[in-house]
Amino acid sequence: MNDRDVEVLILGCGAAGLAAAAEAASLGARVLVLEKNSEPALKIRISGGGRCNLTTTLGPSEAEPLFGREGGRFLRSALRRTSSRTIRAWVEEQGVPTVVEDFGKVFPASGKAEDVARALVARAREAGAGIRLRTRALAVEKIGSPMGPGPRWRVLTAADECLRARTLILAVGGCSYPKTGTVGEGFSWLRSLGVGLVEPHPALAPLEAEGLSPLAGITLKECEAQIRGPSGKILLRRRRPLLFTHRGLSGPAAMDLCSCLERALGSRRVVIDLCPGVPEDVLLTTLFRKGGDAARTLQRELDLPLRLVRHLLEIHGLPGKPLPQFRKEERRGLCRILKRWDPGVRKSLGFTKAESTGGGVRLEEVDPETMELLRFPGLHVTGELLDVDGPIGGFSFWIAFATGAAAGRGAALSLRG
């Protein structure tokens, strides 16, 4: 074997790896990035249908609650150091202007994710980071004394090479987009070291449900999708567009629920409120004063697609007679459906359709300022390897960029100590 020592070794040349590389190199560290694919930033290049929603317009304080109480608290420092404005500046300084679209999504003005990838790679290289492609890491091993001046980590590659590093940053992603090579090897390495993990699961994936194919193509812009626990308590709610597909539910509202659902499959369910903002008792006292056919009345009064209303009446055995003629139990049943419809979702479509990965390294094991594992000096974890995820709309990339930059800073500054 050929041994080679480096100061900061980064595994993975995606959003987190490139942010870490640029930050560490700009602080004077000798940085080497290893990427197993034949080109860098592959996930960036294919994201958003090839357009790349690289971040959001929200500020750190606005975004923090969207990552959950624990996740938001953990990310607070990283998001403030690497804000959404900072991320836009990174690519704009490389000649890639950005534009804002619906829901505060930020895209390259060219509409080409390739431009974002090139800008981030150029930024890392200009800072002085080295990037090696077609180099697959096979194993990560702890060596030496954590307090000594020499290498503390060793990485074995598929080329029968041994690289030793004072500081190692894992930025290999999770299990989403497996066609890009993100197949979860980072989790395997961490498990072998004894790092505590929350079981990885799909995040930001469409949801699977049988019997919804008659509704395929319908989009609801005003509804609230919820995750409810065994007691019926609402654990997560999203008031965003919802899309019916041949396989179930998609769109931002559904995909935002994925991680919360997958964390406890079998004990949680998806519920749809088709009339958000209208209490059930108000529906009960006002809706049935209307005359005419039930389906068309509900379509008109609640602004719901006729195909959806007819489907709900049919599958729940409700009559098509005028609403005032509904019996008492039929009226209550219809109101329950409108406010608490269970479409039969029990799981997502899995990692092959997921845009991100939930689960990963438990946050209490990580220094939020540097992303260094508290029990493993010199080992930093980033992005999808961490047990934190956010909604659709550029937030996954923000997590990757912010945690990558924090890891790069922490790695470089630790060399000075």
Protein backbone atom coordinates (compact mmCIF):
# COMPACT_ATOMS: atom_id res chain seq x y z
CA MET A 1 0.00 0.00 0.00
CA ASN A 2 0.97 3.60 -0.62
CA ASP A 3 0.51 5.83 2.41
CA ARG A 4 -0.20 9.50 1.98
CA ASP A 5 -0.81 12.02 4.76
CA VAL A 6 -3.18 14.99 4.39
CA GLU A 7 -4.42 17.57 6.88
CA VAL A 8 -8.11 17.56 5.97
CA LEU A 9 -9.55 14.64 4.04
CA ILE A 10 -13.13 14.93 2.79
CA LEU A 11 -15.12 11.99 1.51
CA GLY A 12 -17.80 13.10 -0.92
CA CYS A 13 -17.81 15.93 -3.44
CA GLY A 14 -21.42 17.06 -3.19
CA ALA A 15 -22.97 20.14 -1.59
CA ALA A 16 -21.59 19.46 1.91
CA GLY A 17 -18.18 18.28 0.71
CA LEU A 18 -17.64 21.27 -1.55
CA ALA A 19 -18.70 23.72 1.17
CA ALA A 20 -16.35 22.03 3.63
CA ALA A 21 -13.48 22.01 1.13
CA ALA A 22 -13.79 25.69 0.26
CA GLU A 23 -14.03 26.75 3.89
CA ALA A 24 -11.14 24.64 5.15
CA ALA A 25 -8.84 25.51 2.25
CA SER A 26 -9.60 29.23 2.55
CA LEU A 27 -8.38 29.01 6.16
CA GLY A 28 -5.05 27.61 5.03
CA ALA A 29 -5.58 23.87 5.48
CA ARG A 30 -4.26 21.34 2.97
CA VAL A 31 -7.48 19.76 1.73
CA LEU A 32 -8.13 16.69 -0.40
CA VAL A 33 -11.63 15.65 -1.51
CA LEU A 34 -12.31 12.10 -2.70
CA GLU A 35 -15.28 11.39 -4.97
CA LYS A 36 -16.17 7.93 -6.26
CA ASN A 37 -18.12 9.18 -9.28
CA SER A 38 -16.53 10.30 -12.53
CA GLU A 39 -17.75 13.87 -12.02
CA PRO A 40 -18.25 16.02 -8.91
CA ALA A 41 -21.55 17.27 -7.50
CA LEU A 42 -23.64 14.68 -9.32
CA LYS A 43 -26.63 15.06 -7.02
CA ILE A 44 -26.60 18.81 -7.55
CA ARG A 45 -26.52 18.30 -11.31
CA ILE A 46 -29.70 16.21 -11.38
CA SER A 47 -31.65 17.90 -8.58
CA GLY A 48 -34.86 19.76 -9.25
CA GLY A 49 -35.30 18.12 -12.62
CA GLY A 50 -31.93 19.50 -13.67
CA ARG A 51 -32.67 23.01 -12.38
CA CYS A 52 -31.40 22.82 -8.75
CA ASN A 53 -33.41 24.57 -6.06
CA LEU A 54 -30.22 25.44 -4.17
CA THR A 55 -31.74 27.30 -1.22
CA THR A 56 -34.66 29.40 0.01
CA THR A 57 -35.22 33.10 0.63
CA LEU A 58 -36.01 32.56 4.31
CA GLY A 59 -33.61 33.85 6.92
CA PRO A 60 -32.16 31.61 9.64
CA SER A 61 -34.66 32.59 12.35
CA GLU A 62 -37.59 32.03 9.97
CA ALA A 63 -36.27 28.67 8.80
CA GLU A 64 -35.20 27.28 12.16
CA PRO A 65 -38.68 26.07 13.28
CA LEU A 66 -39.09 24.11 10.05
CA PHE A 67 -36.39 21.67 11.16
CA GLY A 68 -38.23 20.73 14.34
CA ARG A 69 -37.39 21.81 17.88
CA GLU A 70 -34.24 19.71 18.28
CA GLY A 71 -33.11 20.05 14.67
CA GLY A 72 -33.61 23.81 14.62
CA ARG A 73 -31.71 24.28 17.86
CA PHE A 74 -28.86 22.10 16.59
CA LEU A 75 -28.64 23.96 13.25
CA ARG A 76 -28.98 27.47 14.70
CA SER A 77 -25.30 28.39 14.61
CA ALA A 78 -24.61 26.75 11.24
CA LEU A 79 -27.58 28.44 9.55
CA ARG A 80 -26.54 31.85 10.85
CA ARG A 81 -22.94 31.40 9.73
CA THR A 82 -24.03 30.09 6.33
CA SER A 83 -27.30 31.85 5.57
CA SER A 84 -29.37 31.49 2.41
CA ARG A 85 -27.93 34.84 1.27
CA THR A 86 -24.43 33.48 1.75
CA ILE A 87 -25.20 30.44 -0.41
CA ARG A 88 -26.56 32.64 -3.20
CA ALA A 89 -23.43 34.78 -2.98
CA TRP A 90 -21.23 31.72 -3.41
CA VAL A 91 -22.61 30.95 -6.85
CA GLU A 92 -23.26 34.56 -7.91
CA GLU A 93 -19.61 35.42 -7.28
CA GLN A 94 -18.75 32.64 -9.73
CA GLY A 95 -20.92 34.25 -12.41
CA VAL A 96 -24.14 32.33 -11.82
CA PRO A 97 -27.02 34.75 -11.02
CA THR A 98 -30.03 33.40 -9.11
CA VAL A 99 -33.77 34.00 -9.29
CA VAL A 100 -36.62 33.48 -6.83
CA GLU A 101 -39.71 31.47 -7.74
CA ASP A 102 -42.89 30.43 -5.91
CA PHE A 103 -42.62 29.63 -2.19
CA GLY A 104 -39.26 31.41 -1.96
CA LYS A 105 -37.37 28.78 -3.94
CA VAL A 106 -34.01 29.96 -5.30
CA PHE A 107 -32.80 28.67 -8.68
CA PRO A 108 -29.97 29.59 -11.04
CA ALA A 109 -31.29 32.17 -13.51
CA SER A 110 -30.14 29.94 -16.36
CA GLY A 111 -32.35 27.11 -15.12
CA LYS A 112 -29.33 24.80 -15.31
CA ALA A 113 -28.21 22.86 -12.25
CA GLU A 114 -24.94 22.25 -14.11
CA ASP A 115 -24.08 25.92 -13.62
CA VAL A 116 -24.49 25.63 -9.83
CA ALA A 117 -22.29 22.52 -9.74
CA ARG A 118 -19.54 24.18 -11.79
CA ALA A 119 -19.63 27.29 -9.60
CA LEU A 120 -19.26 25.35 -6.36
CA VAL A 121 -16.46 23.17 -7.74
CA ALA A 122 -14.63 26.26 -9.01
CA ARG A 123 -15.02 27.95 -5.62
CA ALA A 124 -13.48 24.99 -3.81
CA ARG A 125 -10.59 24.69 -6.26
CA GLU A 126 -9.88 28.41 -6.20
CA ALA A 127 -9.62 28.20 -2.41
CA GLY A 128 -6.90 25.59 -2.89
CA ALA A 129 -8.72 22.29 -2.33
CA GLY A 130 -7.68 19.25 -4.32
CA ILE A 131 -10.39 17.03 -5.83
CA ARG A 132 -9.84 13.45 -6.91
CA LEU A 133 -12.56 11.69 -8.89
CA ARG A 134 -13.15 7.95 -9.44
CA THR A 135 -11.74 7.22 -5.98
CA ARG A 136 -14.03 5.08 -3.85
CA ALA A 137 -13.42 4.80 -0.13
CA LEU A 138 -13.88 1.31 1.29
CA ALA A 139 -13.26 1.74 4.99
CA VAL A 140 -12.65 4.36 7.67
CA GLU A 141 -10.35 3.49 10.58
CA LYS A 142 -9.32 5.34 13.71
CA ILE A 143 -5.55 5.42 14.30
CA GLY A 144 -3.08 7.15 16.59
CA SER A 145 -3.71 9.24 19.65
CA PRO A 146 -6.62 11.73 19.54
CA MET A 147 -4.34 14.29 21.21
CA GLY A 148 -1.21 13.62 19.19
CA PRO A 149 0.09 15.80 16.34
CA GLY A 150 -0.01 13.08 13.67
CA PRO A 151 -2.80 11.50 11.60
CA ARG A 152 -5.82 10.27 13.52
CA TRP A 153 -7.82 8.69 10.69
CA ARG A 154 -7.07 6.27 7.87
CA VAL A 155 -9.13 5.70 4.75
CA LEU A 156 -8.69 2.68 2.54
CA THR A 157 -9.68 3.07 -1.11
CA ALA A 158 -10.70 0.67 -3.85
CA ALA A 159 -7.35 1.40 -5.54
CA ASP A 160 -5.59 -0.36 -2.64
CA GLU A 161 -4.40 3.00 -1.38
CA CYS A 162 -4.17 4.17 2.21
CA LEU A 163 -4.73 7.86 3.00
CA ARG A 164 -4.10 9.20 6.49
CA ALA A 165 -5.58 12.42 7.80
CA ARG A 166 -5.41 14.59 10.88
CA THR A 167 -9.07 15.48 10.30
CA LEU A 168 -11.70 13.53 8.35
CA ILE A 169 -14.98 14.95 7.10
CA LEU A 170 -17.72 12.58 5.97
CA ALA A 171 -19.88 14.19 3.29
CA VAL A 172 -21.01 11.13 1.36
CA GLY A 173 -24.74 11.78 1.68
CA GLY A 174 -27.37 9.33 2.85
CA CYS A 175 -29.42 6.81 0.88
CA SER A 176 -31.54 9.05 -1.36
CA TYR A 177 -30.85 9.26 -5.10
CA PRO A 178 -29.08 5.84 -5.05
CA LYS A 179 -28.42 6.13 -8.79
CA THR A 180 -25.87 8.83 -7.91
CA GLY A 181 -24.01 6.41 -5.68
CA THR A 182 -25.43 7.49 -2.32
CA VAL A 183 -26.11 4.02 -0.96
CA GLY A 184 -25.49 4.57 2.75
CA GLU A 185 -21.84 3.57 3.12
CA GLY A 186 -21.31 6.49 5.51
CA PHE A 187 -23.78 4.92 7.93
CA SER A 188 -21.90 1.61 7.71
CA TRP A 189 -18.60 3.28 8.56
CA LEU A 190 -20.16 5.11 11.51
CA ARG A 191 -21.79 1.96 12.85
CA SER A 192 -18.46 0.14 12.70
CA LEU A 193 -17.00 2.87 14.93
CA GLY A 194 -19.81 2.58 17.43
CA VAL A 195 -21.50 5.88 16.62
CA GLY A 196 -25.14 6.08 17.72
CA LEU A 197 -27.59 6.30 14.81
CA VAL A 198 -31.29 6.82 14.38
CA GLU A 199 -32.27 4.29 11.71
CA PRO A 200 -32.00 6.02 8.31
CA HIS A 201 -35.28 6.33 6.42
CA PRO A 202 -36.65 8.12 3.34
CA ALA A 203 -37.41 11.83 3.57
CA LEU A 204 -39.10 14.08 1.01
CA ALA A 205 -40.55 11.13 -0.89
CA PRO A 206 -44.08 10.75 -2.33
CA LEU A 207 -46.49 8.70 -0.23
CA GLU A 208 -48.00 5.39 -1.27
CA ALA A 209 -51.73 4.70 -1.04
CA GLU A 210 -54.07 2.30 -2.83
CA GLY A 211 -57.36 3.38 -4.32
CA LEU A 212 -56.40 6.95 -5.22
CA SER A 213 -55.67 6.36 -8.91
CA PRO A 214 -59.15 7.72 -9.92
CA LEU A 215 -57.96 11.06 -8.52
CA ALA A 216 -54.61 11.12 -10.36
CA GLY A 217 -53.74 14.57 -11.67
CA ILE A 218 -55.81 16.53 -9.14
CA THR A 219 -53.92 19.23 -7.24
CA LEU A 220 -55.24 20.82 -4.06
CA LYS A 221 -53.71 24.21 -3.34
CA GLU A 222 -55.64 24.82 -0.13
CA CYS A 223 -55.60 21.82 2.18
CA GLU A 224 -53.70 20.72 5.26
CA ALA A 225 -51.85 17.41 5.36
CA GLN A 226 -51.18 16.03 8.83
CA ILE A 227 -49.34 13.22 10.58
CA ARG A 228 -51.29 11.84 13.54
CA GLY A 229 -50.06 9.52 16.25
CA PRO A 230 -51.89 6.54 17.77
CA SER A 231 -53.94 8.81 20.07
CA GLY A 232 -54.96 11.06 17.18
CA LYS A 233 -52.62 13.87 18.26
CA ILE A 234 -51.31 15.97 15.36
CA LEU A 235 -47.53 15.50 15.22
CA LEU A 236 -46.85 17.51 12.05
CA ARG A 237 -48.98 19.64 9.76
CA ARG A 238 -48.24 21.16 6.36
CA ARG A 239 -50.52 23.57 4.50
CA ARG A 240 -48.98 23.35 1.04
CA PRO A 241 -50.07 22.05 -2.40
CA LEU A 242 -51.01 18.36 -2.55
CA LEU A 243 -50.95 16.26 -5.73
CA PHE A 244 -52.80 12.97 -6.31
CA THR A 245 -50.94 10.39 -8.39
CA HIS A 246 -51.60 6.87 -9.63
CA ARG A 247 -49.56 5.58 -6.69
CA GLY A 248 -50.73 7.89 -3.92
CA LEU A 249 -49.89 11.44 -2.85
CA SER A 250 -47.12 13.81 -3.89
CA GLY A 251 -46.42 17.53 -3.92
CA PRO A 252 -44.87 19.59 -1.09
CA ALA A 253 -47.56 18.81 1.50
CA ALA A 254 -47.19 15.04 1.13
CA MET A 255 -43.43 14.94 0.74
CA ASP A 256 -42.91 17.11 3.82
CA LEU A 257 -44.69 14.44 5.90
CA CYS A 258 -42.51 11.57 4.71
CA SER A 259 -39.78 11.60 7.33
CA CYS A 260 -42.18 11.95 10.27
CA LEU A 261 -44.27 9.06 8.94
CA GLU A 262 -41.29 6.80 8.25
CA ARG A 263 -39.83 7.31 11.75
CA ALA A 264 -42.62 5.19 13.22
CA LEU A 265 -44.23 3.16 10.45
CA GLY A 266 -47.36 1.39 11.58
CA SER A 267 -48.14 3.74 14.44
CA ARG A 268 -48.67 6.96 12.49
CA ARG A 269 -51.13 7.88 9.78
CA VAL A 270 -51.74 10.65 7.26
CA VAL A 271 -54.88 12.75 7.61
CA ILE A 272 -56.08 15.41 5.16
CA ASP A 273 -58.08 18.46 6.21
CA LEU A 274 -59.87 19.54 3.04
CA CYS A 275 -61.27 22.68 4.68
CA PRO A 276 -58.44 24.17 6.74
CA GLY A 277 -59.49 27.17 8.76
CA VAL A 278 -63.14 26.07 8.91
CA PRO A 279 -64.03 24.29 12.19
CA GLU A 280 -66.05 21.10 11.95
CA ASP A 281 -68.95 22.53 13.95
CA VAL A 282 -69.15 25.50 11.57
CA LEU A 283 -69.37 23.11 8.61
CA LEU A 284 -72.08 21.17 10.39
CA THR A 285 -74.26 24.23 11.06
CA THR A 286 -73.81 26.05 7.75
CA LEU A 287 -73.11 23.55 4.98
CA PHE A 288 -76.40 21.70 5.17
CA ARG A 289 -78.45 24.83 4.68
CA LYS A 290 -77.48 24.69 1.03
CA GLY A 291 -79.72 23.03 -1.52
CA GLY A 292 -78.95 20.99 -4.60
CA ASP A 293 -76.94 17.86 -5.38
CA ALA A 294 -74.41 17.06 -2.65
CA ALA A 295 -71.38 16.72 -4.93
CA ARG A 296 -71.96 19.92 -6.86
CA THR A 297 -72.87 21.86 -3.73
CA LEU A 298 -69.64 20.81 -2.01
CA GLN A 299 -67.69 21.65 -5.16
CA ARG A 300 -69.18 25.13 -5.25
CA GLU A 301 -69.22 25.99 -1.56
CA LEU A 302 -65.83 24.49 -0.61
CA ASP A 303 -64.04 25.03 -3.93
CA LEU A 304 -63.13 21.34 -4.18
CA PRO A 305 -62.69 19.39 -7.44
CA LEU A 306 -65.92 17.64 -8.44
CA ARG A 307 -64.06 14.38 -9.15
CA LEU A 308 -62.66 14.37 -5.61
CA VAL A 309 -66.00 15.11 -3.97
CA ARG A 310 -67.79 12.37 -5.92
CA HIS A 311 -65.04 9.92 -5.04
CA LEU A 312 -65.33 10.70 -1.32
CA LEU A 313 -69.12 10.37 -1.33
CA GLU A 314 -68.90 7.06 -3.18
CA ILE A 315 -66.20 5.33 -1.13
CA HIS A 316 -67.81 6.36 2.16
CA GLY A 317 -71.27 5.23 1.10
CA LEU A 318 -72.82 8.66 1.28
CA PRO A 319 -75.81 9.45 -0.92
CA GLY A 320 -75.87 11.93 -3.77
CA LYS A 321 -79.12 13.48 -2.62
CA PRO A 322 -79.36 17.18 -1.66
CA LEU A 323 -77.40 18.04 1.48
CA PRO A 324 -80.48 19.16 3.51
CA GLN A 325 -81.85 15.61 3.14
CA PHE A 326 -78.81 13.98 4.81
CA ARG A 327 -79.65 12.21 8.05
CA LYS A 328 -77.92 13.38 11.25
CA GLU A 329 -75.30 10.61 11.19
CA GLU A 330 -74.65 11.23 7.49
CA ARG A 331 -74.05 14.91 8.14
CA ARG A 332 -71.57 14.20 10.90
CA GLY A 333 -69.87 11.55 8.78
CA LEU A 334 -69.42 13.92 5.87
CA CYS A 335 -67.97 16.63 8.11
CA ARG A 336 -65.52 14.14 9.58
CA ILE A 337 -64.38 13.17 6.10
CA LEU A 338 -63.93 16.79 5.04
CA LYS A 339 -61.86 17.62 8.14
CA ARG A 340 -60.15 14.28 8.90
CA TRP A 341 -59.93 12.24 5.74
CA ASP A 342 -57.61 9.23 6.00
CA PRO A 343 -56.55 8.41 2.41
CA GLY A 344 -54.93 5.13 3.46
CA VAL A 345 -51.25 6.14 3.41
CA ARG A 346 -49.01 3.87 5.46
CA LYS A 347 -45.56 4.38 3.96
CA SER A 348 -43.58 6.34 1.35
CA LEU A 349 -42.36 5.21 -2.05
CA GLY A 350 -38.92 4.66 -0.53
CA PHE A 351 -35.36 5.78 -1.13
CA THR A 352 -35.55 5.42 -4.92
CA LYS A 353 -38.04 8.31 -4.99
CA ALA A 354 -36.74 10.23 -1.96
CA GLU A 355 -35.00 13.59 -2.27
CA SER A 356 -33.33 13.29 1.12
CA THR A 357 -32.59 10.93 4.02
CA GLY A 358 -34.01 11.12 7.53
CA GLY A 359 -32.35 9.61 10.58
CA GLY A 360 -28.59 9.34 10.99
CA VAL A 361 -26.14 10.40 13.67
CA ARG A 362 -27.87 11.41 16.90
CA LEU A 363 -27.51 15.15 17.32
CA GLU A 364 -26.43 14.91 20.95
CA GLU A 365 -23.27 13.15 19.73
CA VAL A 366 -22.21 16.12 17.56
CA ASP A 367 -20.73 19.55 18.30
CA PRO A 368 -23.15 21.93 16.49
CA GLU A 369 -20.40 24.52 15.96
CA THR A 370 -17.99 22.21 14.13
CA MET A 371 -19.97 19.03 13.30
CA GLU A 372 -17.26 17.05 15.11
CA LEU A 373 -18.30 13.86 16.85
CA LEU A 374 -17.80 14.43 20.55
CA ARG A 375 -16.41 10.95 21.20
CA PHE A 376 -14.25 10.89 18.07
CA PRO A 377 -11.91 13.90 17.83
CA GLY A 378 -11.08 14.81 14.26
CA LEU A 379 -14.14 13.14 12.72
CA HIS A 380 -16.84 15.45 11.35
CA VAL A 381 -20.21 14.49 9.85
CA THR A 382 -22.39 16.56 7.56
CA GLY A 383 -25.65 16.77 5.63
CA GLU A 384 -27.77 13.65 5.32
CA LEU A 385 -25.58 11.71 7.75
CA LEU A 386 -27.08 13.82 10.55
CA ASP A 387 -30.47 13.13 12.14
CA VAL A 388 -32.06 16.33 10.87
CA ASP A 389 -34.11 17.11 7.79
CA GLY A 390 -36.39 19.87 6.60
CA PRO A 391 -39.25 20.54 4.18
CA ILE A 392 -39.07 20.63 0.43
CA GLY A 393 -37.91 23.91 -1.08
CA GLY A 394 -34.11 24.07 -0.92
CA PHE A 395 -33.80 23.28 2.79
CA SER A 396 -31.93 19.99 2.33
CA PHE A 397 -29.23 21.76 0.35
CA TRP A 398 -29.11 24.48 3.00
CA ILE A 399 -28.48 21.84 5.68
CA ALA A 400 -25.72 20.33 3.53
CA PHE A 401 -24.04 23.66 2.77
CA ALA A 402 -24.30 24.96 6.34
CA THR A 403 -23.09 21.79 8.08
CA GLY A 404 -20.37 21.30 5.47
CA ALA A 405 -19.07 24.82 5.98
CA ALA A 406 -19.16 24.36 9.76
CA ALA A 407 -17.19 21.13 9.45
CA GLY A 408 -14.64 22.76 7.15
CA ARG A 409 -14.11 25.65 9.56
CA GLY A 410 -13.88 23.34 12.53
CA ALA A 411 -11.42 21.04 10.80
CA ALA A 412 -9.12 23.87 9.71
CA LEU A 413 -9.15 25.66 13.05
CA SER A 414 -8.43 22.43 14.93
CA LEU A 415 -5.12 22.17 13.05
CA ARG A 416 -3.98 25.41 14.65
CA GLY A 417 -4.51 23.96 18.10
